[in-house]
């Protein structure tokens, strides 16, 4: 056990000594783009690589979601141990935005997530190589942003209610396409 803990500490020191960018700020990245609305998208499984920013704490965090000071608190340790033990943790709270970004020569619309609650869980998930996190997502709609059309059979809440008198689709079994209930996988 002591050797395992020593290896873990050593990996943590190496991890903290590599260069990091600042985490993105929701206020400067999304709010300045002009918000036209928001919708509670429910609980989803979100790729950790798409979680790129923070709501209200960006000034204190690096792109790996650890503190800029390098301080590792007991909270990081306890969350890391819980994750390594396979314990179920509550979903993180995220804001989702589809933003226009330059990709080489052209512009593309990309999906990014910003942490409202769960910064320590995101930091440790990224540190431990966890690919996905369960998250309660609120999607922000931006003025002039291209929102991809939603297929009528897509899991999750509909993009808009059907017009009056329109035929409703048959009720589902409460499960998503992966066979589980309750949340969908974001791509």
N, C-alpha and C. Protein backbone atom coordinates (compact mmCIF):
# COMPACT_ATOMS: atom_id res chain seq x y z
N UNK A 1 0.82 -1.19 0.00
CA UNK A 1 0.00 0.00 0.00
C UNK A 1 0.87 1.26 0.00
N UNK A 2 1.94 1.26 0.79
CA UNK A 2 2.82 2.43 0.88
C UNK A 2 3.51 2.69 -0.46
N UNK A 3 3.92 1.62 -1.14
CA UNK A 3 4.57 1.78 -2.46
C UNK A 3 3.59 2.36 -3.47
N UNK A 4 2.35 1.91 -3.41
CA UNK A 4 1.32 2.41 -4.33
C UNK A 4 1.07 3.90 -4.09
N UNK A 5 1.01 4.28 -2.82
CA UNK A 5 0.79 5.68 -2.47
C UNK A 5 1.98 6.52 -2.92
N UNK A 6 3.19 6.00 -2.74
CA UNK A 6 4.40 6.71 -3.18
C UNK A 6 4.38 6.93 -4.70
N UNK A 7 4.01 5.89 -5.47
CA UNK A 7 3.92 6.02 -6.94
C UNK A 7 2.88 7.06 -7.32
N UNK A 8 1.77 7.05 -6.60
CA UNK A 8 0.69 8.00 -6.89
C UNK A 8 1.17 9.43 -6.65
N UNK A 9 1.86 9.67 -5.52
CA UNK A 9 2.39 10.99 -5.22
C UNK A 9 3.41 11.42 -6.26
N UNK A 10 4.28 10.49 -6.67
CA UNK A 10 5.31 10.81 -7.66
C UNK A 10 4.66 11.20 -8.99
N UNK A 11 3.63 10.46 -9.40
CA UNK A 11 2.90 10.78 -10.64
C UNK A 11 2.23 12.15 -10.53
N UNK A 12 1.74 12.47 -9.35
CA UNK A 12 1.10 13.76 -9.13
C UNK A 12 2.10 14.90 -9.25
N UNK A 13 3.30 14.72 -8.71
CA UNK A 13 4.35 15.74 -8.81
C UNK A 13 4.73 15.97 -10.27
N UNK A 14 4.93 14.88 -11.03
CA UNK A 14 5.26 15.00 -12.45
C UNK A 14 4.14 15.72 -13.19
N UNK A 15 2.91 15.35 -12.87
CA UNK A 15 1.73 15.93 -13.51
C UNK A 15 1.69 17.44 -13.27
N UNK A 16 1.98 17.89 -12.05
CA UNK A 16 1.91 19.31 -11.72
C UNK A 16 3.07 20.11 -12.29
N UNK A 17 4.15 19.47 -12.62
CA UNK A 17 5.30 20.20 -13.14
C UNK A 17 5.27 20.42 -14.64
N UNK A 18 4.30 19.87 -15.34
CA UNK A 18 4.23 20.14 -16.78
C UNK A 18 3.43 21.43 -17.00
N UNK A 19 3.71 22.11 -18.12
CA UNK A 19 3.05 23.41 -18.35
C UNK A 19 1.56 23.25 -18.66
N UNK A 20 0.78 24.21 -18.19
CA UNK A 20 -0.66 24.22 -18.43
C UNK A 20 -1.10 25.61 -18.85
N UNK A 21 -2.14 25.65 -19.67
CA UNK A 21 -2.79 26.91 -20.01
C UNK A 21 -3.78 27.26 -18.89
N UNK A 22 -4.35 28.43 -18.98
CA UNK A 22 -5.43 28.78 -18.07
C UNK A 22 -6.70 28.09 -18.55
N UNK A 23 -7.57 27.76 -17.61
CA UNK A 23 -8.87 27.22 -17.96
C UNK A 23 -9.69 28.35 -18.58
N UNK A 24 -10.60 28.03 -19.49
CA UNK A 24 -11.42 29.07 -20.13
C UNK A 24 -12.48 29.58 -19.16
N UNK A 25 -12.84 30.84 -19.33
CA UNK A 25 -13.84 31.50 -18.50
C UNK A 25 -15.17 31.53 -19.25
N UNK A 26 -16.23 31.08 -18.59
CA UNK A 26 -17.57 31.12 -19.18
C UNK A 26 -17.96 32.55 -19.53
N UNK A 27 -17.64 33.48 -18.63
CA UNK A 27 -18.02 34.88 -18.85
C UNK A 27 -17.36 35.44 -20.11
N UNK A 28 -16.07 35.18 -20.30
CA UNK A 28 -15.40 35.78 -21.45
C UNK A 28 -15.64 34.99 -22.74
N UNK A 29 -15.87 33.70 -22.65
CA UNK A 29 -16.05 32.88 -23.85
C UNK A 29 -17.49 32.84 -24.34
N UNK A 30 -18.44 32.74 -23.42
CA UNK A 30 -19.84 32.50 -23.80
C UNK A 30 -20.70 33.75 -23.65
N UNK A 31 -20.65 34.37 -22.48
CA UNK A 31 -21.53 35.52 -22.24
C UNK A 31 -21.23 36.66 -23.21
N UNK A 32 -19.96 36.83 -23.58
CA UNK A 32 -19.63 37.90 -24.52
C UNK A 32 -20.10 37.58 -25.94
N UNK A 33 -20.37 36.28 -26.22
CA UNK A 33 -20.88 35.89 -27.53
C UNK A 33 -22.37 36.24 -27.67
N UNK A 34 -23.03 36.50 -26.55
CA UNK A 34 -24.44 36.87 -26.58
C UNK A 34 -25.36 35.69 -26.39
N UNK A 35 -25.92 35.54 -25.22
CA UNK A 35 -26.81 34.43 -24.89
C UNK A 35 -28.23 34.78 -25.32
N UNK A 36 -28.87 33.87 -26.07
CA UNK A 36 -30.25 34.09 -26.48
C UNK A 36 -31.23 33.26 -25.66
N UNK A 37 -30.72 32.29 -24.92
CA UNK A 37 -31.59 31.47 -24.08
C UNK A 37 -30.82 30.30 -23.51
N UNK A 38 -31.50 29.56 -22.65
CA UNK A 38 -30.89 28.36 -22.10
C UNK A 38 -31.97 27.33 -21.84
N UNK A 39 -31.54 26.07 -21.82
CA UNK A 39 -32.48 24.98 -21.59
C UNK A 39 -31.81 23.93 -20.72
N UNK A 40 -32.58 23.39 -19.77
CA UNK A 40 -32.08 22.32 -18.92
C UNK A 40 -32.08 21.05 -19.76
N UNK A 41 -30.90 20.53 -20.07
CA UNK A 41 -30.78 19.36 -20.95
C UNK A 41 -30.78 18.05 -20.18
N UNK A 42 -30.82 18.10 -18.85
CA UNK A 42 -30.88 16.88 -18.06
C UNK A 42 -29.49 16.30 -17.79
N UNK A 43 -29.47 15.01 -17.44
CA UNK A 43 -28.23 14.33 -17.11
C UNK A 43 -27.70 13.60 -18.33
N UNK A 44 -26.43 13.82 -18.63
CA UNK A 44 -25.77 13.21 -19.78
C UNK A 44 -24.40 12.68 -19.36
N UNK A 45 -23.85 11.82 -20.17
CA UNK A 45 -22.46 11.40 -20.02
C UNK A 45 -21.65 12.24 -20.99
N UNK A 46 -20.69 13.01 -20.46
CA UNK A 46 -19.97 14.01 -21.23
C UNK A 46 -18.50 13.61 -21.34
N UNK A 47 -17.90 13.72 -22.55
CA UNK A 47 -16.46 13.45 -22.67
C UNK A 47 -15.64 14.45 -21.85
N UNK A 48 -14.71 13.95 -21.07
CA UNK A 48 -13.88 14.82 -20.22
C UNK A 48 -13.09 15.82 -21.06
N UNK A 49 -12.73 15.46 -22.27
CA UNK A 49 -11.94 16.35 -23.12
C UNK A 49 -12.72 17.59 -23.55
N UNK A 50 -14.05 17.53 -23.51
CA UNK A 50 -14.86 18.67 -23.92
C UNK A 50 -15.15 19.63 -22.76
N UNK A 51 -14.73 19.26 -21.56
CA UNK A 51 -14.90 20.14 -20.40
C UNK A 51 -13.66 21.04 -20.36
N UNK A 52 -13.86 22.31 -20.73
CA UNK A 52 -12.71 23.20 -20.98
C UNK A 52 -12.69 24.47 -20.14
N UNK A 53 -13.73 24.71 -19.36
CA UNK A 53 -13.78 25.98 -18.67
C UNK A 53 -14.55 25.94 -17.37
N UNK A 54 -14.60 27.10 -16.73
CA UNK A 54 -15.24 27.23 -15.43
C UNK A 54 -16.18 28.44 -15.41
N UNK A 55 -17.21 28.32 -14.60
CA UNK A 55 -18.12 29.42 -14.35
C UNK A 55 -17.73 30.01 -13.00
N UNK A 56 -17.05 31.16 -13.02
CA UNK A 56 -16.73 31.87 -11.80
C UNK A 56 -15.41 31.54 -11.13
N UNK A 57 -14.69 30.50 -11.59
CA UNK A 57 -13.42 30.16 -10.92
C UNK A 57 -12.24 30.08 -11.88
N UNK A 58 -12.41 30.53 -13.08
CA UNK A 58 -11.36 30.42 -14.10
C UNK A 58 -10.07 31.12 -13.69
N UNK A 59 -10.17 32.21 -12.96
CA UNK A 59 -8.97 32.96 -12.59
C UNK A 59 -8.05 32.17 -11.67
N UNK A 60 -8.56 31.13 -11.00
CA UNK A 60 -7.77 30.35 -10.04
C UNK A 60 -7.31 29.00 -10.58
N UNK A 61 -7.77 28.61 -11.78
CA UNK A 61 -7.54 27.24 -12.24
C UNK A 61 -6.71 27.17 -13.51
N UNK A 62 -5.98 26.06 -13.63
CA UNK A 62 -5.25 25.75 -14.86
C UNK A 62 -6.14 24.89 -15.75
N UNK A 63 -5.68 24.60 -16.94
CA UNK A 63 -6.48 23.84 -17.90
C UNK A 63 -6.75 22.40 -17.44
N UNK A 64 -6.01 21.91 -16.45
CA UNK A 64 -6.27 20.58 -15.90
C UNK A 64 -7.23 20.64 -14.71
N UNK A 65 -7.72 21.84 -14.38
CA UNK A 65 -8.67 22.13 -13.32
C UNK A 65 -8.08 22.05 -11.91
N UNK A 66 -6.76 21.94 -11.79
CA UNK A 66 -6.11 22.07 -10.50
C UNK A 66 -5.78 23.55 -10.29
N UNK A 67 -5.52 23.90 -9.02
CA UNK A 67 -5.22 25.29 -8.70
C UNK A 67 -3.93 25.75 -9.37
N UNK A 68 -3.90 27.00 -9.79
CA UNK A 68 -2.68 27.57 -10.38
C UNK A 68 -1.51 27.54 -9.40
N UNK A 69 -1.81 27.62 -8.12
CA UNK A 69 -0.76 27.61 -7.09
C UNK A 69 -0.10 26.24 -6.98
N UNK A 70 -0.75 25.21 -7.51
CA UNK A 70 -0.21 23.85 -7.40
C UNK A 70 -0.63 23.15 -6.12
N UNK A 71 -1.36 23.84 -5.27
CA UNK A 71 -1.81 23.26 -4.00
C UNK A 71 -2.80 22.11 -4.26
N UNK A 72 -2.53 20.98 -3.63
CA UNK A 72 -3.42 19.82 -3.73
C UNK A 72 -4.06 19.64 -2.36
N UNK A 73 -5.36 19.88 -2.27
CA UNK A 73 -6.06 19.81 -1.00
C UNK A 73 -6.51 18.39 -0.68
N UNK A 74 -6.96 18.22 0.56
CA UNK A 74 -7.48 16.92 0.99
C UNK A 74 -8.70 16.53 0.15
N UNK A 75 -9.42 17.52 -0.32
CA UNK A 75 -10.60 17.24 -1.16
C UNK A 75 -10.18 16.53 -2.45
N UNK A 76 -9.10 16.96 -3.08
CA UNK A 76 -8.60 16.28 -4.28
C UNK A 76 -8.27 14.82 -3.95
N UNK A 77 -7.59 14.62 -2.82
CA UNK A 77 -7.19 13.26 -2.43
C UNK A 77 -8.40 12.36 -2.21
N UNK A 78 -9.39 12.85 -1.47
CA UNK A 78 -10.54 12.01 -1.16
C UNK A 78 -11.35 11.69 -2.42
N UNK A 79 -11.47 12.64 -3.31
CA UNK A 79 -12.20 12.38 -4.56
C UNK A 79 -11.42 11.40 -5.43
N UNK A 80 -10.11 11.58 -5.51
CA UNK A 80 -9.28 10.65 -6.28
C UNK A 80 -9.36 9.24 -5.75
N UNK A 81 -9.33 9.08 -4.43
CA UNK A 81 -9.44 7.75 -3.82
C UNK A 81 -10.80 7.13 -4.10
N UNK A 82 -11.85 7.94 -4.02
CA UNK A 82 -13.20 7.44 -4.30
C UNK A 82 -13.31 6.98 -5.75
N UNK A 83 -12.74 7.75 -6.68
CA UNK A 83 -12.77 7.37 -8.10
C UNK A 83 -12.00 6.09 -8.34
N UNK A 84 -10.81 5.98 -7.73
CA UNK A 84 -10.00 4.78 -7.91
C UNK A 84 -10.67 3.56 -7.31
N UNK A 85 -11.46 3.74 -6.26
CA UNK A 85 -12.18 2.63 -5.63
C UNK A 85 -13.47 2.29 -6.37
N UNK A 86 -13.81 3.10 -7.39
CA UNK A 86 -15.00 2.83 -8.18
C UNK A 86 -16.30 3.28 -7.53
N UNK A 87 -16.21 4.15 -6.52
CA UNK A 87 -17.42 4.65 -5.87
C UNK A 87 -18.16 5.62 -6.79
N UNK A 88 -19.46 5.56 -6.73
CA UNK A 88 -20.31 6.43 -7.53
C UNK A 88 -20.35 7.82 -6.91
N UNK A 89 -20.01 8.82 -7.70
CA UNK A 89 -20.04 10.21 -7.24
C UNK A 89 -21.20 10.93 -7.93
N UNK A 90 -21.72 12.00 -7.32
CA UNK A 90 -22.83 12.72 -7.94
C UNK A 90 -22.39 13.36 -9.26
N UNK A 91 -23.33 13.57 -10.17
CA UNK A 91 -22.98 14.23 -11.44
C UNK A 91 -22.43 15.63 -11.19
N UNK A 92 -21.50 16.05 -12.03
CA UNK A 92 -21.02 17.43 -11.98
C UNK A 92 -22.08 18.31 -12.63
N UNK A 93 -22.03 19.59 -12.35
CA UNK A 93 -22.95 20.56 -12.96
C UNK A 93 -22.19 21.31 -14.04
N UNK A 94 -22.71 21.26 -15.29
CA UNK A 94 -22.02 21.89 -16.41
C UNK A 94 -22.95 22.78 -17.22
N UNK A 95 -22.37 23.83 -17.79
CA UNK A 95 -23.04 24.62 -18.82
C UNK A 95 -22.44 24.18 -20.15
N UNK A 96 -23.30 24.06 -21.16
CA UNK A 96 -22.88 23.65 -22.50
C UNK A 96 -23.10 24.81 -23.46
N UNK A 97 -22.14 25.01 -24.35
CA UNK A 97 -22.29 26.05 -25.38
C UNK A 97 -21.68 25.55 -26.68
N UNK A 98 -22.34 25.90 -27.77
CA UNK A 98 -21.80 25.61 -29.11
C UNK A 98 -21.26 26.93 -29.64
N UNK A 99 -19.93 26.98 -29.79
CA UNK A 99 -19.25 28.21 -30.16
C UNK A 99 -18.54 28.08 -31.49
N UNK A 100 -18.44 29.18 -32.19
CA UNK A 100 -17.67 29.20 -33.45
C UNK A 100 -16.19 29.33 -33.10
N UNK A 101 -15.39 28.43 -33.64
CA UNK A 101 -13.94 28.43 -33.42
C UNK A 101 -13.22 28.24 -34.75
N UNK A 102 -12.04 28.83 -34.85
CA UNK A 102 -11.20 28.64 -36.04
C UNK A 102 -10.52 27.30 -35.95
N UNK A 103 -10.65 26.52 -37.00
CA UNK A 103 -9.98 25.22 -37.12
C UNK A 103 -9.14 25.28 -38.38
N UNK A 104 -7.89 25.72 -38.23
CA UNK A 104 -7.03 25.87 -39.40
C UNK A 104 -7.53 27.00 -40.28
N UNK A 105 -7.86 26.67 -41.51
CA UNK A 105 -8.31 27.66 -42.49
C UNK A 105 -9.79 28.01 -42.37
N UNK A 106 -10.56 27.17 -41.71
CA UNK A 106 -12.00 27.40 -41.70
C UNK A 106 -12.54 27.53 -40.29
N UNK A 107 -13.78 27.96 -40.23
CA UNK A 107 -14.47 28.13 -38.96
C UNK A 107 -15.40 26.95 -38.74
N UNK A 108 -15.47 26.47 -37.51
CA UNK A 108 -16.35 25.34 -37.19
C UNK A 108 -17.10 25.65 -35.90
N UNK A 109 -18.23 25.00 -35.73
CA UNK A 109 -18.98 25.13 -34.48
C UNK A 109 -18.56 23.96 -33.60
N UNK A 110 -18.08 24.26 -32.40
CA UNK A 110 -17.63 23.23 -31.47
C UNK A 110 -18.45 23.30 -30.18
N UNK A 111 -18.59 22.16 -29.54
CA UNK A 111 -19.31 22.08 -28.28
C UNK A 111 -18.30 22.10 -27.14
N UNK A 112 -18.52 22.99 -26.19
CA UNK A 112 -17.65 23.10 -25.02
C UNK A 112 -18.51 23.10 -23.76
N UNK A 113 -17.92 22.60 -22.67
CA UNK A 113 -18.61 22.54 -21.38
C UNK A 113 -17.81 23.33 -20.35
N UNK A 114 -18.56 24.00 -19.46
CA UNK A 114 -17.98 24.84 -18.41
C UNK A 114 -18.51 24.37 -17.06
N UNK A 115 -17.62 24.19 -16.09
CA UNK A 115 -17.99 23.63 -14.79
C UNK A 115 -18.62 24.68 -13.90
N UNK A 116 -19.81 24.36 -13.39
CA UNK A 116 -20.49 25.19 -12.40
C UNK A 116 -20.17 24.62 -11.02
N UNK A 117 -20.32 23.31 -10.86
CA UNK A 117 -20.04 22.62 -9.60
C UNK A 117 -19.38 21.29 -9.94
N UNK A 118 -18.27 20.99 -9.27
CA UNK A 118 -17.59 19.72 -9.50
C UNK A 118 -16.18 19.89 -10.02
N UNK A 119 -15.56 21.02 -9.76
CA UNK A 119 -14.20 21.29 -10.24
C UNK A 119 -13.21 20.23 -9.78
N UNK A 120 -13.31 19.81 -8.51
CA UNK A 120 -12.39 18.78 -7.99
C UNK A 120 -12.60 17.45 -8.70
N UNK A 121 -13.87 17.09 -8.95
CA UNK A 121 -14.16 15.83 -9.65
C UNK A 121 -13.64 15.86 -11.08
N UNK A 122 -13.79 17.00 -11.76
CA UNK A 122 -13.28 17.13 -13.13
C UNK A 122 -11.75 17.02 -13.13
N UNK A 123 -11.09 17.72 -12.19
CA UNK A 123 -9.63 17.68 -12.11
C UNK A 123 -9.14 16.25 -11.91
N UNK A 124 -9.73 15.54 -10.99
CA UNK A 124 -9.26 14.17 -10.71
C UNK A 124 -9.63 13.21 -11.84
N UNK A 125 -10.77 13.40 -12.48
CA UNK A 125 -11.14 12.54 -13.61
C UNK A 125 -10.12 12.71 -14.74
N UNK A 126 -9.73 13.95 -15.03
CA UNK A 126 -8.73 14.19 -16.07
C UNK A 126 -7.38 13.62 -15.64
N UNK A 127 -7.01 13.79 -14.39
CA UNK A 127 -5.73 13.29 -13.88
C UNK A 127 -5.66 11.77 -13.97
N UNK A 128 -6.76 11.10 -13.64
CA UNK A 128 -6.79 9.64 -13.60
C UNK A 128 -7.11 9.02 -14.97
N UNK A 129 -7.30 9.86 -15.97
CA UNK A 129 -7.55 9.35 -17.32
C UNK A 129 -8.98 8.86 -17.55
N UNK A 130 -9.91 9.35 -16.77
CA UNK A 130 -11.32 8.98 -16.95
C UNK A 130 -11.84 9.67 -18.21
N UNK A 131 -12.41 8.92 -19.13
CA UNK A 131 -12.84 9.47 -20.41
C UNK A 131 -14.16 10.23 -20.35
N UNK A 132 -15.06 9.83 -19.46
CA UNK A 132 -16.40 10.43 -19.40
C UNK A 132 -16.79 10.74 -17.97
N UNK A 133 -17.66 11.73 -17.82
CA UNK A 133 -18.23 12.09 -16.53
C UNK A 133 -19.74 12.23 -16.68
N UNK A 134 -20.47 11.79 -15.67
CA UNK A 134 -21.90 12.05 -15.64
C UNK A 134 -22.09 13.50 -15.23
N UNK A 135 -23.00 14.19 -15.90
CA UNK A 135 -23.18 15.61 -15.64
C UNK A 135 -24.62 16.03 -15.84
N UNK A 136 -25.06 16.93 -14.97
CA UNK A 136 -26.32 17.63 -15.20
C UNK A 136 -25.96 18.84 -16.07
N UNK A 137 -26.58 18.94 -17.24
CA UNK A 137 -26.18 19.93 -18.24
C UNK A 137 -27.28 20.96 -18.47
N UNK A 138 -26.87 22.23 -18.48
CA UNK A 138 -27.73 23.33 -18.91
C UNK A 138 -27.11 23.87 -20.20
N UNK A 139 -27.87 23.81 -21.29
CA UNK A 139 -27.34 24.25 -22.58
C UNK A 139 -27.68 25.72 -22.81
N UNK A 140 -26.65 26.49 -23.14
CA UNK A 140 -26.83 27.90 -23.47
C UNK A 140 -26.90 28.06 -24.98
N UNK A 141 -27.92 28.77 -25.42
CA UNK A 141 -28.09 29.09 -26.84
C UNK A 141 -27.51 30.47 -27.07
N UNK A 142 -26.73 30.60 -28.12
CA UNK A 142 -26.06 31.87 -28.39
C UNK A 142 -26.67 32.59 -29.57
N UNK A 143 -26.68 33.90 -29.52
CA UNK A 143 -27.20 34.71 -30.61
C UNK A 143 -26.35 34.48 -31.85
N UNK A 144 -26.99 34.19 -32.95
CA UNK A 144 -26.30 34.03 -34.22
C UNK A 144 -25.50 32.75 -34.34
N UNK A 145 -25.48 31.90 -33.32
CA UNK A 145 -24.72 30.64 -33.41
C UNK A 145 -25.56 29.62 -34.15
N UNK A 146 -24.88 28.85 -34.92
CA UNK A 146 -25.55 27.79 -35.68
C UNK A 146 -25.82 26.62 -34.74
N UNK A 147 -27.07 26.41 -34.43
CA UNK A 147 -27.45 25.25 -33.63
C UNK A 147 -27.77 24.12 -34.60
N UNK A 148 -27.11 23.01 -34.42
CA UNK A 148 -27.34 21.87 -35.32
C UNK A 148 -28.78 21.42 -35.20
N UNK A 149 -29.44 21.13 -36.33
CA UNK A 149 -30.82 20.66 -36.24
C UNK A 149 -30.87 19.33 -35.50
N UNK A 150 -31.88 19.15 -34.69
CA UNK A 150 -32.03 17.95 -33.88
C UNK A 150 -32.92 16.96 -34.61
N UNK A 151 -32.42 15.73 -34.85
CA UNK A 151 -33.26 14.72 -35.49
C UNK A 151 -34.48 14.44 -34.62
N UNK A 152 -35.64 14.17 -35.24
CA UNK A 152 -36.85 13.95 -34.45
C UNK A 152 -36.75 12.74 -33.53
N UNK A 153 -35.90 11.75 -33.86
CA UNK A 153 -35.80 10.54 -33.03
C UNK A 153 -34.62 10.60 -32.07
N UNK A 154 -33.98 11.78 -31.92
CA UNK A 154 -32.83 11.91 -31.02
C UNK A 154 -33.28 11.74 -29.58
N UNK A 155 -32.44 11.07 -28.75
CA UNK A 155 -32.80 10.93 -27.34
C UNK A 155 -32.73 12.27 -26.64
N UNK A 156 -33.46 12.38 -25.53
CA UNK A 156 -33.44 13.62 -24.78
C UNK A 156 -34.65 14.47 -25.07
N UNK A 157 -34.70 15.67 -24.50
CA UNK A 157 -35.88 16.52 -24.69
C UNK A 157 -35.95 17.02 -26.13
N UNK A 158 -37.17 17.20 -26.65
CA UNK A 158 -37.30 17.69 -28.02
C UNK A 158 -36.82 19.13 -28.14
N UNK A 159 -36.41 19.51 -29.35
CA UNK A 159 -35.91 20.86 -29.59
C UNK A 159 -37.02 21.89 -29.37
N UNK A 160 -38.24 21.55 -29.75
CA UNK A 160 -39.38 22.44 -29.57
C UNK A 160 -40.63 21.57 -29.46
N UNK A 161 -41.65 22.05 -28.77
CA UNK A 161 -42.87 21.25 -28.68
C UNK A 161 -43.54 21.13 -30.05
N UNK A 162 -44.27 20.02 -30.28
CA UNK A 162 -44.95 19.89 -31.57
C UNK A 162 -46.07 20.92 -31.68
N UNK A 163 -46.40 21.33 -32.91
CA UNK A 163 -47.48 22.30 -33.07
C UNK A 163 -48.81 21.72 -32.62
N UNK A 164 -49.75 22.58 -32.22
CA UNK A 164 -51.06 22.09 -31.77
C UNK A 164 -51.70 21.23 -32.86
N UNK A 165 -52.27 20.10 -32.42
CA UNK A 165 -52.95 19.20 -33.35
C UNK A 165 -52.01 18.21 -34.04
N UNK A 166 -50.72 18.36 -33.83
CA UNK A 166 -49.77 17.43 -34.46
C UNK A 166 -49.81 16.10 -33.72
N UNK A 167 -49.55 15.02 -34.46
CA UNK A 167 -49.55 13.69 -33.87
C UNK A 167 -48.30 13.53 -33.01
N UNK A 168 -48.47 13.03 -31.79
CA UNK A 168 -47.34 12.81 -30.89
C UNK A 168 -46.66 11.50 -31.22
N UNK A 169 -45.32 11.43 -31.08
CA UNK A 169 -44.64 10.17 -31.30
C UNK A 169 -45.01 9.18 -30.21
N UNK A 170 -44.89 7.87 -30.48
CA UNK A 170 -45.24 6.88 -29.47
C UNK A 170 -44.32 7.02 -28.26
N UNK A 171 -44.85 6.73 -27.08
CA UNK A 171 -44.06 6.84 -25.85
C UNK A 171 -42.97 5.79 -25.85
N UNK A 172 -41.79 6.18 -25.38
CA UNK A 172 -40.67 5.25 -25.30
C UNK A 172 -40.71 4.46 -24.01
N UNK A 173 -39.69 3.61 -23.83
CA UNK A 173 -39.63 2.78 -22.64
C UNK A 173 -38.80 3.42 -21.53
N UNK A 174 -38.37 4.71 -21.72
CA UNK A 174 -37.59 5.40 -20.71
C UNK A 174 -36.12 5.07 -20.76
N UNK A 175 -35.69 4.36 -21.80
CA UNK A 175 -34.29 4.01 -21.92
C UNK A 175 -33.70 4.65 -23.15
N UNK A 176 -32.40 4.96 -23.07
CA UNK A 176 -31.74 5.53 -24.23
C UNK A 176 -31.26 4.42 -25.14
N UNK A 177 -30.61 4.77 -26.23
CA UNK A 177 -30.22 3.78 -27.22
C UNK A 177 -29.19 2.78 -26.71
N UNK A 178 -28.47 3.11 -25.62
CA UNK A 178 -27.50 2.17 -25.07
C UNK A 178 -28.17 1.17 -24.14
N UNK A 179 -29.48 1.31 -23.93
CA UNK A 179 -30.21 0.36 -23.09
C UNK A 179 -30.32 0.80 -21.65
N UNK A 180 -29.69 1.88 -21.25
CA UNK A 180 -29.80 2.36 -19.87
C UNK A 180 -30.81 3.45 -19.80
N UNK A 181 -31.32 3.68 -18.62
CA UNK A 181 -32.29 4.74 -18.46
C UNK A 181 -31.65 5.97 -17.84
N UNK A 182 -32.27 7.11 -18.05
CA UNK A 182 -31.88 8.26 -17.28
C UNK A 182 -30.95 9.25 -17.93
N UNK A 183 -29.99 8.84 -18.73
CA UNK A 183 -29.13 9.84 -19.35
C UNK A 183 -28.57 9.34 -20.66
N UNK A 184 -28.16 10.31 -21.47
CA UNK A 184 -27.64 10.00 -22.79
C UNK A 184 -26.16 10.30 -22.85
N UNK A 185 -25.49 9.72 -23.83
CA UNK A 185 -24.08 10.00 -24.04
C UNK A 185 -23.95 11.15 -25.02
N UNK A 186 -23.21 12.20 -24.62
CA UNK A 186 -22.94 13.34 -25.49
C UNK A 186 -21.80 12.99 -26.41
N UNK A 187 -21.86 13.41 -27.63
CA UNK A 187 -20.78 13.12 -28.59
C UNK A 187 -20.15 14.41 -29.05
